[in-house]
Amino acid sequence: MAKRPSKHLREPRPLSMGGFARLEGKADGDWMVQTMPADSATKTYTCPGCGQPVVPGTAHLVAWPREAGIGSTSAVEERRHWHTSCWQRRR
């Protein structure tokens, strides 16, 4: 049986929520933000705002920088799942 490559080495999967990303400005730059409806949230993620889990079935949002950071080949590689309230509190 072949070993699966690390998820960090694989190509980022496209977001499959059917919505559109919007541009939001924060103190650290411009971010693309897309909502994730509860019925599309099927995995557990760690919110970078509070460090708590974003559990399946929880509506939340996904954010990634408008431009890739140093060392990244694509800004989508840097996407993170946030609790909506944590993102709204972020400056």
N, C-alpha and C. Protein backbone atom coordinates (compact mmCIF):
# COMPACT_ATOMS: atom_id res chain seq x y z
N MET A 1 0.85 -1.18 0.00
CA MET A 1 0.00 0.00 0.00
C MET A 1 0.90 1.25 0.00
N ALA A 2 0.62 2.16 -0.91
CA ALA A 2 1.41 3.39 -1.02
C ALA A 2 1.02 4.36 0.08
N LYS A 3 2.01 5.04 0.60
CA LYS A 3 1.77 6.04 1.64
C LYS A 3 1.29 7.34 1.00
N ARG A 4 0.24 7.93 1.57
CA ARG A 4 -0.28 9.20 1.06
C ARG A 4 0.71 10.31 1.36
N PRO A 5 0.88 11.23 0.42
CA PRO A 5 1.76 12.37 0.71
C PRO A 5 1.15 13.26 1.79
N SER A 6 1.99 13.95 2.49
CA SER A 6 1.54 14.89 3.52
C SER A 6 0.56 15.89 2.91
N LYS A 7 -0.48 16.25 3.67
CA LYS A 7 -1.43 17.24 3.17
C LYS A 7 -0.75 18.58 2.91
N HIS A 8 0.38 18.81 3.56
CA HIS A 8 1.09 20.07 3.37
C HIS A 8 1.87 20.09 2.06
N LEU A 9 2.06 18.93 1.45
CA LEU A 9 2.78 18.85 0.19
C LEU A 9 1.84 18.72 -1.01
N ARG A 10 0.57 18.43 -0.75
CA ARG A 10 -0.40 18.28 -1.82
C ARG A 10 -0.92 19.64 -2.27
N GLU A 11 -1.46 19.69 -3.47
CA GLU A 11 -2.08 20.91 -3.98
C GLU A 11 -3.30 21.25 -3.12
N PRO A 12 -3.54 22.53 -2.84
CA PRO A 12 -4.74 22.89 -2.08
C PRO A 12 -5.99 22.52 -2.86
N ARG A 13 -6.98 21.98 -2.14
CA ARG A 13 -8.25 21.64 -2.78
C ARG A 13 -9.08 22.90 -2.93
N PRO A 14 -9.86 23.00 -4.00
CA PRO A 14 -10.72 24.18 -4.14
C PRO A 14 -11.83 24.15 -3.09
N LEU A 15 -12.27 25.32 -2.71
CA LEU A 15 -13.39 25.41 -1.78
C LEU A 15 -14.65 25.05 -2.54
N SER A 16 -15.46 24.19 -1.97
CA SER A 16 -16.66 23.74 -2.69
C SER A 16 -17.92 24.14 -1.95
N MET A 17 -18.12 25.43 -1.82
CA MET A 17 -19.30 25.88 -1.10
C MET A 17 -20.26 26.64 -2.00
N GLY A 18 -19.88 26.86 -3.21
CA GLY A 18 -20.78 27.49 -4.15
C GLY A 18 -20.91 28.99 -3.98
N GLY A 19 -20.27 29.59 -3.00
CA GLY A 19 -20.37 31.03 -2.79
C GLY A 19 -19.22 31.77 -3.45
N PHE A 20 -19.17 33.05 -3.21
CA PHE A 20 -18.13 33.88 -3.79
C PHE A 20 -17.30 34.49 -2.69
N ALA A 21 -16.02 34.63 -2.94
CA ALA A 21 -15.13 35.28 -1.98
C ALA A 21 -15.23 36.80 -2.15
N ARG A 22 -15.10 37.48 -1.05
CA ARG A 22 -15.10 38.95 -1.08
C ARG A 22 -13.77 39.43 -0.51
N LEU A 23 -13.38 40.62 -0.85
CA LEU A 23 -12.13 41.20 -0.39
C LEU A 23 -12.40 42.03 0.86
N GLU A 24 -11.61 41.80 1.90
CA GLU A 24 -11.71 42.59 3.14
C GLU A 24 -10.33 43.07 3.52
N GLY A 25 -10.25 44.32 3.95
CA GLY A 25 -9.00 44.89 4.40
C GLY A 25 -8.86 44.77 5.91
N LYS A 26 -7.72 44.32 6.37
CA LYS A 26 -7.39 44.25 7.79
C LYS A 26 -6.07 44.99 7.98
N ALA A 27 -5.64 45.19 9.23
CA ALA A 27 -4.41 45.93 9.49
C ALA A 27 -3.20 45.29 8.83
N ASP A 28 -3.23 43.97 8.64
CA ASP A 28 -2.08 43.29 8.05
C ASP A 28 -2.23 43.05 6.55
N GLY A 29 -3.19 43.69 5.91
CA GLY A 29 -3.33 43.58 4.47
C GLY A 29 -4.72 43.18 4.02
N ASP A 30 -4.83 42.86 2.75
CA ASP A 30 -6.11 42.48 2.15
C ASP A 30 -6.28 40.97 2.20
N TRP A 31 -7.50 40.55 2.52
CA TRP A 31 -7.83 39.14 2.66
C TRP A 31 -9.04 38.79 1.82
N MET A 32 -9.02 37.64 1.22
CA MET A 32 -10.19 37.08 0.54
C MET A 32 -10.95 36.30 1.60
N VAL A 33 -12.25 36.50 1.67
CA VAL A 33 -13.08 35.88 2.71
C VAL A 33 -14.29 35.24 2.05
N GLN A 34 -14.58 34.02 2.45
CA GLN A 34 -15.72 33.29 1.89
C GLN A 34 -16.45 32.60 3.04
N THR A 35 -17.77 32.70 3.05
CA THR A 35 -18.55 32.04 4.10
C THR A 35 -18.67 30.54 3.82
N MET A 36 -18.73 29.79 4.90
CA MET A 36 -18.91 28.34 4.83
C MET A 36 -20.21 28.02 5.55
N PRO A 37 -21.27 27.65 4.83
CA PRO A 37 -22.53 27.33 5.49
C PRO A 37 -22.40 26.06 6.33
N ALA A 38 -23.23 25.96 7.34
CA ALA A 38 -23.17 24.83 8.28
C ALA A 38 -23.27 23.49 7.58
N ASP A 39 -24.12 23.36 6.57
CA ASP A 39 -24.29 22.07 5.91
C ASP A 39 -23.10 21.68 5.04
N SER A 40 -22.19 22.61 4.76
CA SER A 40 -20.98 22.30 4.00
C SER A 40 -19.78 22.09 4.90
N ALA A 41 -19.92 22.39 6.19
CA ALA A 41 -18.81 22.26 7.14
C ALA A 41 -18.76 20.82 7.66
N THR A 42 -17.86 20.03 7.09
CA THR A 42 -17.84 18.61 7.42
C THR A 42 -16.59 18.17 8.16
N LYS A 43 -15.66 19.07 8.40
CA LYS A 43 -14.41 18.72 9.08
C LYS A 43 -14.20 19.64 10.27
N THR A 44 -13.31 19.24 11.16
CA THR A 44 -12.93 20.08 12.30
C THR A 44 -11.67 20.86 11.94
N TYR A 45 -11.67 22.15 12.23
CA TYR A 45 -10.52 23.02 12.01
C TYR A 45 -10.23 23.75 13.31
N THR A 46 -9.04 24.29 13.43
CA THR A 46 -8.69 25.12 14.59
C THR A 46 -8.73 26.58 14.16
N CYS A 47 -9.55 27.35 14.84
CA CYS A 47 -9.68 28.77 14.54
C CYS A 47 -8.40 29.49 14.97
N PRO A 48 -7.74 30.22 14.05
CA PRO A 48 -6.54 30.94 14.44
C PRO A 48 -6.81 32.14 15.34
N GLY A 49 -8.07 32.55 15.44
CA GLY A 49 -8.40 33.69 16.28
C GLY A 49 -8.47 33.36 17.76
N CYS A 50 -9.01 32.17 18.07
CA CYS A 50 -9.19 31.80 19.48
C CYS A 50 -8.51 30.49 19.85
N GLY A 51 -8.05 29.74 18.85
CA GLY A 51 -7.40 28.46 19.12
C GLY A 51 -8.35 27.33 19.44
N GLN A 52 -9.66 27.60 19.35
CA GLN A 52 -10.67 26.59 19.66
C GLN A 52 -11.11 25.91 18.35
N PRO A 53 -11.69 24.71 18.45
CA PRO A 53 -12.12 24.03 17.23
C PRO A 53 -13.34 24.68 16.58
N VAL A 54 -13.33 24.64 15.26
CA VAL A 54 -14.50 24.95 14.45
C VAL A 54 -15.04 23.58 14.07
N VAL A 55 -16.11 23.16 14.71
CA VAL A 55 -16.58 21.78 14.57
C VAL A 55 -17.50 21.61 13.36
N PRO A 56 -17.61 20.38 12.85
CA PRO A 56 -18.52 20.14 11.73
C PRO A 56 -19.93 20.61 12.05
N GLY A 57 -20.61 21.13 11.04
CA GLY A 57 -21.97 21.62 11.22
C GLY A 57 -22.04 23.05 11.72
N THR A 58 -20.88 23.71 11.85
CA THR A 58 -20.84 25.09 12.32
C THR A 58 -20.58 26.03 11.14
N ALA A 59 -21.49 26.97 10.91
CA ALA A 59 -21.25 27.97 9.88
C ALA A 59 -20.05 28.81 10.31
N HIS A 60 -19.16 29.09 9.39
CA HIS A 60 -17.96 29.87 9.70
C HIS A 60 -17.47 30.50 8.41
N LEU A 61 -16.25 31.00 8.40
CA LEU A 61 -15.71 31.56 7.17
C LEU A 61 -14.29 31.09 6.95
N VAL A 62 -13.87 31.19 5.72
CA VAL A 62 -12.52 30.82 5.31
C VAL A 62 -11.86 32.09 4.79
N ALA A 63 -10.64 32.36 5.25
CA ALA A 63 -9.93 33.56 4.82
C ALA A 63 -8.52 33.19 4.37
N TRP A 64 -8.06 33.89 3.34
CA TRP A 64 -6.69 33.71 2.88
C TRP A 64 -6.19 35.05 2.36
N PRO A 65 -4.88 35.29 2.44
CA PRO A 65 -4.36 36.59 1.99
C PRO A 65 -4.57 36.78 0.50
N ARG A 66 -4.72 38.02 0.11
CA ARG A 66 -4.93 38.32 -1.30
C ARG A 66 -3.70 37.93 -2.12
N GLU A 67 -2.53 38.09 -1.53
CA GLU A 67 -1.28 37.73 -2.21
C GLU A 67 -0.55 36.70 -1.37
N ALA A 68 0.11 35.78 -2.04
CA ALA A 68 0.87 34.73 -1.34
C ALA A 68 2.00 35.34 -0.53
N GLY A 69 2.21 34.77 0.65
CA GLY A 69 3.30 35.21 1.50
C GLY A 69 4.63 34.64 1.03
N ILE A 70 5.68 35.08 1.63
CA ILE A 70 7.02 34.59 1.29
C ILE A 70 7.07 33.09 1.59
N GLY A 71 7.53 32.33 0.63
CA GLY A 71 7.63 30.89 0.80
C GLY A 71 6.42 30.11 0.33
N SER A 72 5.35 30.80 0.02
CA SER A 72 4.14 30.13 -0.49
C SER A 72 4.07 30.29 -2.00
N THR A 73 3.61 29.26 -2.67
CA THR A 73 3.45 29.36 -4.11
C THR A 73 2.06 29.88 -4.48
N SER A 74 1.13 29.82 -3.52
CA SER A 74 -0.23 30.28 -3.76
C SER A 74 -0.82 30.79 -2.46
N ALA A 75 -1.56 31.88 -2.53
CA ALA A 75 -2.21 32.41 -1.33
C ALA A 75 -3.24 31.43 -0.78
N VAL A 76 -3.82 30.60 -1.65
CA VAL A 76 -4.83 29.63 -1.20
C VAL A 76 -4.21 28.61 -0.24
N GLU A 77 -2.90 28.37 -0.35
CA GLU A 77 -2.22 27.48 0.59
C GLU A 77 -2.31 28.01 2.02
N GLU A 78 -2.52 29.31 2.16
CA GLU A 78 -2.53 29.96 3.47
C GLU A 78 -3.94 30.14 4.03
N ARG A 79 -4.95 29.55 3.40
CA ARG A 79 -6.32 29.74 3.88
C ARG A 79 -6.51 29.08 5.24
N ARG A 80 -7.35 29.72 6.04
CA ARG A 80 -7.65 29.24 7.39
C ARG A 80 -9.14 29.39 7.64
N HIS A 81 -9.67 28.50 8.46
CA HIS A 81 -11.08 28.50 8.82
C HIS A 81 -11.23 29.23 10.16
N TRP A 82 -12.08 30.23 10.19
CA TRP A 82 -12.29 31.09 11.36
C TRP A 82 -13.73 31.00 11.83
N HIS A 83 -13.93 31.11 13.16
CA HIS A 83 -15.28 31.39 13.66
C HIS A 83 -15.63 32.78 13.13
N THR A 84 -16.84 32.98 12.70
CA THR A 84 -17.24 34.27 12.14
C THR A 84 -17.00 35.40 13.14
N SER A 85 -17.34 35.18 14.40
CA SER A 85 -17.16 36.22 15.42
C SER A 85 -15.68 36.54 15.65
N CYS A 86 -14.82 35.53 15.58
CA CYS A 86 -13.38 35.76 15.76
C CYS A 86 -12.84 36.62 14.62
N TRP A 87 -13.28 36.32 13.40
CA TRP A 87 -12.84 37.13 12.24
C TRP A 87 -13.34 38.56 12.37
N GLN A 88 -14.57 38.73 12.80
CA GLN A 88 -15.14 40.08 12.93
C GLN A 88 -14.42 40.89 13.99
N ARG A 89 -13.93 40.25 15.03
CA ARG A 89 -13.17 40.96 16.09
C ARG A 89 -11.75 41.29 15.65
N ARG A 90 -11.25 40.59 14.66
CA ARG A 90 -9.87 40.78 14.20
C ARG A 90 -9.73 42.17 13.58
N ARG A 91 -8.66 42.82 13.88
CA ARG A 91 -8.41 44.18 13.35
C ARG A 91 -7.55 44.15 12.11
